[in-house]
Every structure is written in C-alpha cells, then in structure tokens.
C-alpha atoms as a PDB file:
ATOM      1  CA  MET A   1      34.120  15.041  29.569  1.00  0.00           C
ATOM      2  CA  ARG A   2      33.682  11.606  27.989  1.00  0.00           C
ATOM      3  CA  LEU A   3      30.322  11.367  26.247  1.00  0.00           C
ATOM      4  CA  ILE A   4      28.319   9.069  23.993  1.00  0.00           C
ATOM      5  CA  LEU A   5      25.497  10.339  21.785  1.00  0.00           C
ATOM      6  CA  VAL A   6      22.760   7.810  21.043  1.00  0.00           C
ATOM      7  CA  GLY A   7      19.692   8.151  18.847  1.00  0.00           C
ATOM      8  CA  PRO A   8      18.245   7.045  15.536  1.00  0.00           C
ATOM      9  CA  PRO A   9      19.352   8.525  12.210  1.00  0.00           C
ATOM     10  CA  GLY A  10      17.928  11.999  11.759  1.00  0.00           C
ATOM     11  CA  ALA A  11      17.711  12.676  15.502  1.00  0.00           C
ATOM     12  CA  GLY A  12      20.263  15.505  15.322  1.00  0.00           C
ATOM     13  CA  LYS A  13      23.305  13.817  16.884  1.00  0.00           C
ATOM     14  CA  GLY A  14      25.718  15.380  14.388  1.00  0.00           C
ATOM     15  CA  THR A  15      24.406  18.897  15.028  1.00  0.00           C
ATOM     16  CA  GLN A  16      24.639  18.531  18.808  1.00  0.00           C
ATOM     17  CA  ALA A  17      28.057  16.861  18.650  1.00  0.00           C
ATOM     18  CA  ALA A  18      29.417  19.837  16.680  1.00  0.00           C
ATOM     19  CA  ARG A  19      28.134  22.207  19.373  1.00  0.00           C
ATOM     20  CA  LEU A  20      29.678  20.092  22.151  1.00  0.00           C
ATOM     21  CA  VAL A  21      33.025  20.081  20.339  1.00  0.00           C
ATOM     22  CA  GLU A  22      32.949  23.877  20.288  1.00  0.00           C
ATOM     23  CA  ARG A  23      31.712  24.180  23.876  1.00  0.00           C
ATOM     24  CA  TYR A  24      34.154  21.776  25.543  1.00  0.00           C
ATOM     25  CA  GLY A  25      37.084  21.713  23.116  1.00  0.00           C
ATOM     26  CA  ILE A  26      37.010  17.925  22.884  1.00  0.00           C
ATOM     27  CA  PRO A  27      37.053  15.870  19.657  1.00  0.00           C
ATOM     28  CA  GLN A  28      34.064  14.130  18.109  1.00  0.00           C
ATOM     29  CA  LEU A  29      35.140  10.593  17.295  1.00  0.00           C
ATOM     30  CA  SER A  30      33.547   8.924  14.294  1.00  0.00           C
ATOM     31  CA  THR A  31      34.419   5.244  13.912  1.00  0.00           C
ATOM     32  CA  GLY A  32      34.501   5.590  10.109  1.00  0.00           C
ATOM     33  CA  ASP A  33      36.936   8.527  10.255  1.00  0.00           C
ATOM     34  CA  MET A  34      39.091   6.755  12.851  1.00  0.00           C
ATOM     35  CA  LEU A  35      39.243   3.571  10.751  1.00  0.00           C
ATOM     36  CA  ARG A  36      40.341   5.470   7.656  1.00  0.00           C
ATOM     37  CA  ALA A  37      42.948   7.445   9.647  1.00  0.00           C
ATOM     38  CA  ALA A  38      44.360   4.285  11.282  1.00  0.00           C
ATOM     39  CA  VAL A  39      44.597   2.552   7.908  1.00  0.00           C
ATOM     40  CA  ALA A  40      46.297   5.601   6.344  1.00  0.00           C
ATOM     41  CA  ALA A  41      48.740   5.869   9.269  1.00  0.00           C
ATOM     42  CA  GLN A  42      49.476   2.124   9.007  1.00  0.00           C
ATOM     43  CA  THR A  43      49.188   1.626  12.747  1.00  0.00           C
ATOM     44  CA  PRO A  44      49.210  -2.038  13.901  1.00  0.00           C
ATOM     45  CA  VAL A  45      45.444  -1.955  14.432  1.00  0.00           C
ATOM     46  CA  GLY A  46      44.981  -0.056  11.171  1.00  0.00           C
ATOM     47  CA  LEU A  47      46.878  -2.739   9.256  1.00  0.00           C
ATOM     48  CA  LYS A  48      44.617  -5.410  10.764  1.00  0.00           C
ATOM     49  CA  ALA A  49      41.567  -3.392   9.756  1.00  0.00           C
ATOM     50  CA  LYS A  50      42.922  -2.950   6.220  1.00  0.00           C
ATOM     51  CA  GLU A  51      43.342  -6.723   5.792  1.00  0.00           C
ATOM     52  CA  VAL A  52      39.710  -7.297   6.778  1.00  0.00           C
ATOM     53  CA  MET A  53      38.406  -4.440   4.617  1.00  0.00           C
ATOM     54  CA  VAL A  54      40.393  -5.527   1.534  1.00  0.00           C
ATOM     55  CA  ALA A  55      38.941  -9.019   1.958  1.00  0.00           C
ATOM     56  CA  GLY A  56      35.466  -7.459   2.001  1.00  0.00           C
ATOM     57  CA  GLY A  57      34.756  -8.414   5.616  1.00  0.00           C
ATOM     58  CA  LEU A  58      33.304  -6.459   8.514  1.00  0.00           C
ATOM     59  CA  VAL A  59      35.828  -5.021  10.939  1.00  0.00           C
ATOM     60  CA  SER A  60      35.486  -6.799  14.293  1.00  0.00           C
ATOM     61  CA  ASP A  61      34.511  -5.117  17.554  1.00  0.00           C
ATOM     62  CA  GLU A  62      38.006  -5.928  18.863  1.00  0.00           C
ATOM     63  CA  ILE A  63      39.646  -3.963  16.042  1.00  0.00           C
ATOM     64  CA  VAL A  64      37.238  -1.013  16.335  1.00  0.00           C
ATOM     65  CA  VAL A  65      37.778  -0.794  20.113  1.00  0.00           C
ATOM     66  CA  GLY A  66      41.539  -0.999  19.531  1.00  0.00           C
ATOM     67  CA  ILE A  67      41.322   1.945  17.137  1.00  0.00           C
ATOM     68  CA  ILE A  68      39.308   3.926  19.705  1.00  0.00           C
ATOM     69  CA  ARG A  69      41.891   3.062  22.381  1.00  0.00           C
ATOM     70  CA  ASP A  70      44.690   4.430  20.188  1.00  0.00           C
ATOM     71  CA  ARG A  71      42.683   7.537  19.268  1.00  0.00           C
ATOM     72  CA  ILE A  72      41.752   8.579  22.815  1.00  0.00           C
ATOM     73  CA  ALA A  73      45.393   8.309  23.831  1.00  0.00           C
ATOM     74  CA  GLU A  74      46.169  11.278  21.543  1.00  0.00           C
ATOM     75  CA  ASP A  75      46.733  14.711  23.074  1.00  0.00           C
ATOM     76  CA  ASP A  76      43.533  16.347  21.849  1.00  0.00           C
ATOM     77  CA  ALA A  77      41.418  13.734  23.681  1.00  0.00           C
ATOM     78  CA  GLU A  78      43.167  14.278  27.021  1.00  0.00           C
ATOM     79  CA  ASN A  79      40.182  16.213  28.411  1.00  0.00           C
ATOM     80  CA  GLY A  80      37.571  13.912  26.882  1.00  0.00           C
ATOM     81  CA  PHE A  81      35.784  12.986  23.686  1.00  0.00           C
ATOM     82  CA  ILE A  82      32.376  12.510  22.097  1.00  0.00           C
ATOM     83  CA  LEU A  83      31.518   9.148  20.563  1.00  0.00           C
ATOM     84  CA  ASP A  84      28.890   9.384  17.844  1.00  0.00           C
ATOM     85  CA  GLY A  85      27.879   6.178  16.058  1.00  0.00           C
ATOM     86  CA  PHE A  86      29.587   3.892  18.566  1.00  0.00           C
ATOM     87  CA  PRO A  87      28.748   1.649  20.313  1.00  0.00           C
ATOM     88  CA  ARG A  88      26.250   0.254  17.794  1.00  0.00           C
ATOM     89  CA  THR A  89      25.628  -3.040  19.595  1.00  0.00           C
ATOM     90  CA  LEU A  90      25.522  -4.415  23.132  1.00  0.00           C
ATOM     91  CA  ALA A  91      28.772  -6.310  22.533  1.00  0.00           C
ATOM     92  CA  GLN A  92      30.468  -3.056  21.502  1.00  0.00           C
ATOM     93  CA  ALA A  93      29.134  -1.281  24.606  1.00  0.00           C
ATOM     94  CA  GLU A  94      30.552  -3.998  26.853  1.00  0.00           C
ATOM     95  CA  ALA A  95      33.887  -3.957  25.004  1.00  0.00           C
ATOM     96  CA  LEU A  96      34.063  -0.165  25.325  1.00  0.00           C
ATOM     97  CA  ASP A  97      33.461  -0.387  29.084  1.00  0.00           C
ATOM     98  CA  GLU A  98      36.288  -2.898  29.445  1.00  0.00           C
ATOM     99  CA  MET A  99      38.610  -0.758  27.343  1.00  0.00           C
ATOM    100  CA  LEU A 100      37.903   2.393  29.368  1.00  0.00           C
ATOM    101  CA  GLU A 101      38.397   0.521  32.638  1.00  0.00           C
ATOM    102  CA  ASP A 102      41.711  -0.923  31.395  1.00  0.00           C
ATOM    103  CA  SER A 103      42.778   2.620  30.444  1.00  0.00           C
ATOM    104  CA  GLY A 104      41.795   3.974  33.877  1.00  0.00           C
ATOM    105  CA  LEU A 105      39.045   6.145  32.357  1.00  0.00           C
ATOM    106  CA  LYS A 106      35.348   6.547  33.118  1.00  0.00           C
ATOM    107  CA  LEU A 107      32.395   7.397  30.933  1.00  0.00           C
ATOM    108  CA  ASN A 108      30.694  10.583  32.153  1.00  0.00           C
ATOM    109  CA  ARG A 109      27.340  10.463  30.390  1.00  0.00           C
ATOM    110  CA  VAL A 110      25.352   8.807  27.621  1.00  0.00           C
ATOM    111  CA  LEU A 111      22.952  11.283  26.005  1.00  0.00           C
ATOM    112  CA  GLU A 112      20.004   9.721  24.207  1.00  0.00           C
ATOM    113  CA  LEU A 113      18.243  12.018  21.773  1.00  0.00           C
ATOM    114  CA  ARG A 114      14.763  10.494  21.977  1.00  0.00           C
ATOM    115  CA  VAL A 115      12.487  11.266  19.050  1.00  0.00           C
ATOM    116  CA  ASP A 116       9.136  10.313  17.552  1.00  0.00           C
ATOM    117  CA  GLN A 117      10.298   8.062  14.724  1.00  0.00           C
ATOM    118  CA  THR A 118       7.043   8.413  12.779  1.00  0.00           C
ATOM    119  CA  LYS A 119       7.535  12.169  12.645  1.00  0.00           C
ATOM    120  CA  LEU A 120      11.167  11.638  11.626  1.00  0.00           C
ATOM    121  CA  VAL A 121      10.072   9.631   8.605  1.00  0.00           C
ATOM    122  CA  ASP A 122       7.495  12.304   7.729  1.00  0.00           C
ATOM    123  CA  ARG A 123      10.241  14.934   7.978  1.00  0.00           C
ATOM    124  CA  ILE A 124      12.525  12.984   5.630  1.00  0.00           C
ATOM    125  CA  ILE A 125       9.702  12.419   3.120  1.00  0.00           C
ATOM    126  CA  LYS A 126       8.948  16.167   3.114  1.00  0.00           C
ATOM    127  CA  ARG A 127      12.640  17.019   2.693  1.00  0.00           C
ATOM    128  CA  ALA A 128      12.895  14.620  -0.265  1.00  0.00           C
ATOM    129  CA  GLU A 129       9.743  16.069  -1.836  1.00  0.00           C
ATOM    130  CA  ASP A 130      11.045  19.624  -1.380  1.00  0.00           C
ATOM    131  CA  ALA A 131      14.347  18.686  -3.021  1.00  0.00           C
ATOM    132  CA  LYS A 132      12.560  17.135  -6.007  1.00  0.00           C
ATOM    133  CA  ALA A 133      10.257  20.154  -6.337  1.00  0.00           C
ATOM    134  CA  ALA A 134      13.308  22.427  -6.429  1.00  0.00           C
ATOM    135  CA  GLY A 135      14.888  20.269  -9.130  1.00  0.00           C
ATOM    136  CA  GLN A 136      17.607  19.086  -6.752  1.00  0.00           C
ATOM    137  CA  GLU A 137      18.919  15.567  -6.399  1.00  0.00           C
ATOM    138  CA  VAL A 138      17.627  13.742  -3.323  1.00  0.00           C
ATOM    139  CA  ARG A 139      20.504  12.770  -1.038  1.00  0.00           C
ATOM    140  CA  LYS A 140      20.827   9.022  -0.526  1.00  0.00           C
ATOM    141  CA  ASP A 141      20.292   9.484   3.216  1.00  0.00           C
ATOM    142  CA  ASP A 142      17.084  11.385   2.465  1.00  0.00           C
ATOM    143  CA  ASP A 143      15.585   8.619   0.348  1.00  0.00           C
ATOM    144  CA  PRO A 144      12.573   7.607   2.494  1.00  0.00           C
ATOM    145  CA  GLU A 145      13.024   3.875   1.816  1.00  0.00           C
ATOM    146  CA  VAL A 146      16.750   3.998   2.642  1.00  0.00           C
ATOM    147  CA  PHE A 147      15.959   6.006   5.770  1.00  0.00           C
ATOM    148  CA  LYS A 148      13.332   3.476   6.898  1.00  0.00           C
ATOM    149  CA  GLN A 149      15.882   0.676   6.490  1.00  0.00           C
ATOM    150  CA  ARG A 150      18.355   2.608   8.632  1.00  0.00           C
ATOM    151  CA  LEU A 151      15.685   3.029  11.308  1.00  0.00           C
ATOM    152  CA  VAL A 152      14.968  -0.707  11.257  1.00  0.00           C
ATOM    153  CA  ALA A 153      18.691  -1.434  11.692  1.00  0.00           C
ATOM    154  CA  TYR A 154      18.925   1.067  14.556  1.00  0.00           C
ATOM    155  CA  ASN A 155      15.932  -0.416  16.384  1.00  0.00           C
ATOM    156  CA  ARG A 156      17.187  -3.958  15.840  1.00  0.00           C
ATOM    157  CA  ASP A 157      20.857  -3.519  16.775  1.00  0.00           C
ATOM    158  CA  THR A 158      21.610  -0.225  18.482  1.00  0.00           C
ATOM    159  CA  ALA A 159      18.552   0.704  20.555  1.00  0.00           C
ATOM    160  CA  ILE A 160      19.450  -2.133  22.942  1.00  0.00           C
ATOM    161  CA  VAL A 161      22.390  -0.098  24.288  1.00  0.00           C
ATOM    162  CA  VAL A 162      19.902   2.386  25.797  1.00  0.00           C
ATOM    163  CA  PRO A 163      18.620   0.077  28.594  1.00  0.00           C
ATOM    164  CA  TYR A 164      22.210  -1.126  29.094  1.00  0.00           C
ATOM    165  CA  TYR A 165      23.370   2.403  29.931  1.00  0.00           C
ATOM    166  CA  GLU A 166      20.179   3.149  31.835  1.00  0.00           C
ATOM    167  CA  LYS A 167      20.920   0.192  34.102  1.00  0.00           C
ATOM    168  CA  SER A 168      24.487   1.418  34.654  1.00  0.00           C
ATOM    169  CA  GLY A 169      23.195   4.867  35.645  1.00  0.00           C
ATOM    170  CA  HIS A 170      24.950   6.675  32.784  1.00  0.00           C
ATOM    171  CA  LEU A 171      21.895   7.534  30.683  1.00  0.00           C
ATOM    172  CA  SER A 172      20.245  10.930  30.331  1.00  0.00           C
ATOM    173  CA  VAL A 173      17.255  11.185  27.983  1.00  0.00           C
ATOM    174  CA  ILE A 174      16.937  14.386  25.957  1.00  0.00           C
ATOM    175  CA  ASP A 175      13.760  15.326  24.079  1.00  0.00           C
ATOM    176  CA  GLY A 176      15.088  15.390  20.530  1.00  0.00           C
ATOM    177  CA  MET A 177      11.809  16.760  19.140  1.00  0.00           C
ATOM    178  CA  GLN A 178      12.550  20.193  20.620  1.00  0.00           C
ATOM    179  CA  ALA A 179      14.048  22.988  18.538  1.00  0.00           C
ATOM    180  CA  ILE A 180      17.816  22.644  18.034  1.00  0.00           C
ATOM    181  CA  ASP A 181      18.688  25.371  20.558  1.00  0.00           C
ATOM    182  CA  GLU A 182      16.344  23.825  23.134  1.00  0.00           C
ATOM    183  CA  VAL A 183      17.985  20.422  22.696  1.00  0.00           C
ATOM    184  CA  SER A 184      21.382  22.090  23.236  1.00  0.00           C
ATOM    185  CA  ALA A 185      20.074  23.804  26.385  1.00  0.00           C
ATOM    186  CA  SER A 186      18.748  20.497  27.762  1.00  0.00           C
ATOM    187  CA  ILE A 187      22.117  18.835  27.150  1.00  0.00           C
ATOM    188  CA  GLU A 188      23.909  21.746  28.817  1.00  0.00           C
ATOM    189  CA  THR A 189      21.699  21.403  31.898  1.00  0.00           C
ATOM    190  CA  VAL A 190      22.635  17.728  32.215  1.00  0.00           C
ATOM    191  CA  LEU A 191      26.347  18.377  31.760  1.00  0.00           C
ATOM    192  CA  GLN A 192      26.390  21.328  34.185  1.00  0.00           C
ATOM    193  CA  GLY A 193      24.931  18.975  36.779  1.00  0.00           C
ATOM    194  CA  LEU A 194      27.844  16.604  36.150  1.00  0.00           C
ATOM    195  CA  ASP A 195      30.366  19.440  36.554  1.00  0.00           C
ATOM    196  CA  GLU A 196      28.796  20.431  39.876  1.00  0.00           C
ATOM    197  CA  LYS A 197      28.964  16.858  41.190  1.00  0.00           C
ATOM    198  CA  VAL A 198      32.647  16.633  40.264  1.00  0.00           C
ATOM    199  CA  GLN A 199      33.369  19.944  42.063  1.00  0.00           C
ATOM    200  CA  GLU A 200      31.560  18.745  45.196  1.00  0.00           C
ATOM    201  CA  ARG A 201      33.831  15.714  45.524  1.00  0.00           C
END
C-alpha cells in the first residue's frame, strides 16, 4: 500500500499515519527524517544534501526524490509506505510520479484530510491559552501567529497538489473534522475498497 497524506498543519496527518503504520506494517516516511538519515549514512545522495545544507541552501527536489528512491528500496518498504509532508509542491508531485514509474511502482491512494481552517486556528488559539493558564510553555507549533503562517504557506504551495491528484484519479477526500476514530474509519473504508479492487483483478 503506497499512500500520501495531504492536509494543512493541525489536520491530524501524524495521528492517522501512526495508525496506518500499525494497521499495515508499512513505514511512515518523513522527508526530514530521511534527509538526516541519508546524511548520517553518507550515502551519495546524502553527501549531496549535506553540501547544500552546510552552505545554508534549500535541498533541491531532485535530491529529496533521490533520498525517497533510496529509502523505498529498503526491505521494510517492500509492501508499501506512507508519505507525510511530501510532496509539498506541484514540481515535487510530478518528480515523485516519474520516480515511481522509473522504479516500476504505482501510487495507490492520496488521502486528503479536509478541514475547516478557521476552526483549526480557533483550536490552536484555545490550546495555547490553556497551556498558558496551566503555567506551561506554549509549543512553537501552537503559537497562533506561527500556525497562521504555516497555513498560508500550505495554501500557497502545497494545496495545489490536491487538484493534481484529483485529476489523476488518486485522490480520496476524508472529513478531517470528524473525531479521530471516525477519521480512521473513513480512511479504512477507502483502503478496503482498494484491496477489493486488487483482489478482483
């Protein structure tokens, strides 16, 4: 099962990815984790990434896709993987498609956790207020202004991959405003449908 999770920050992608890892026994692939691992392992692609990072530059789509290519060739990804946080742009989505095709692999499904962004911001503001009231430090990600900036970046750069995957027929929209267990059940319904189609062939 090769999956991509798409949705704005705070939509619950991390929670659902963890459940999918447990359910299907496939790894969740975070581009940040993969970059650090490739650099530490001094792979050819990792060395290229290190040069760029040391120089203070942004790692190119070509390097990131190369790191993903190396990672999905590992044994634990033989039965699939979950990409969370990638692709972030249309160019990355197109590069990922080319990479999968070159590797003889196919994407099974793109799951968009669709949420009411206004309510998300309200939720973050409440969480920050609760933390302050309890005398706790507000996490950087829970700072309402930081969160709003992340939403702006998502809507500007990443949301465009949704119509791209919709056009390709890979997209399934999940109501991310449901309770966590209900979101999981909706995802399971979609993925069971995929399993049934595969068995019918």
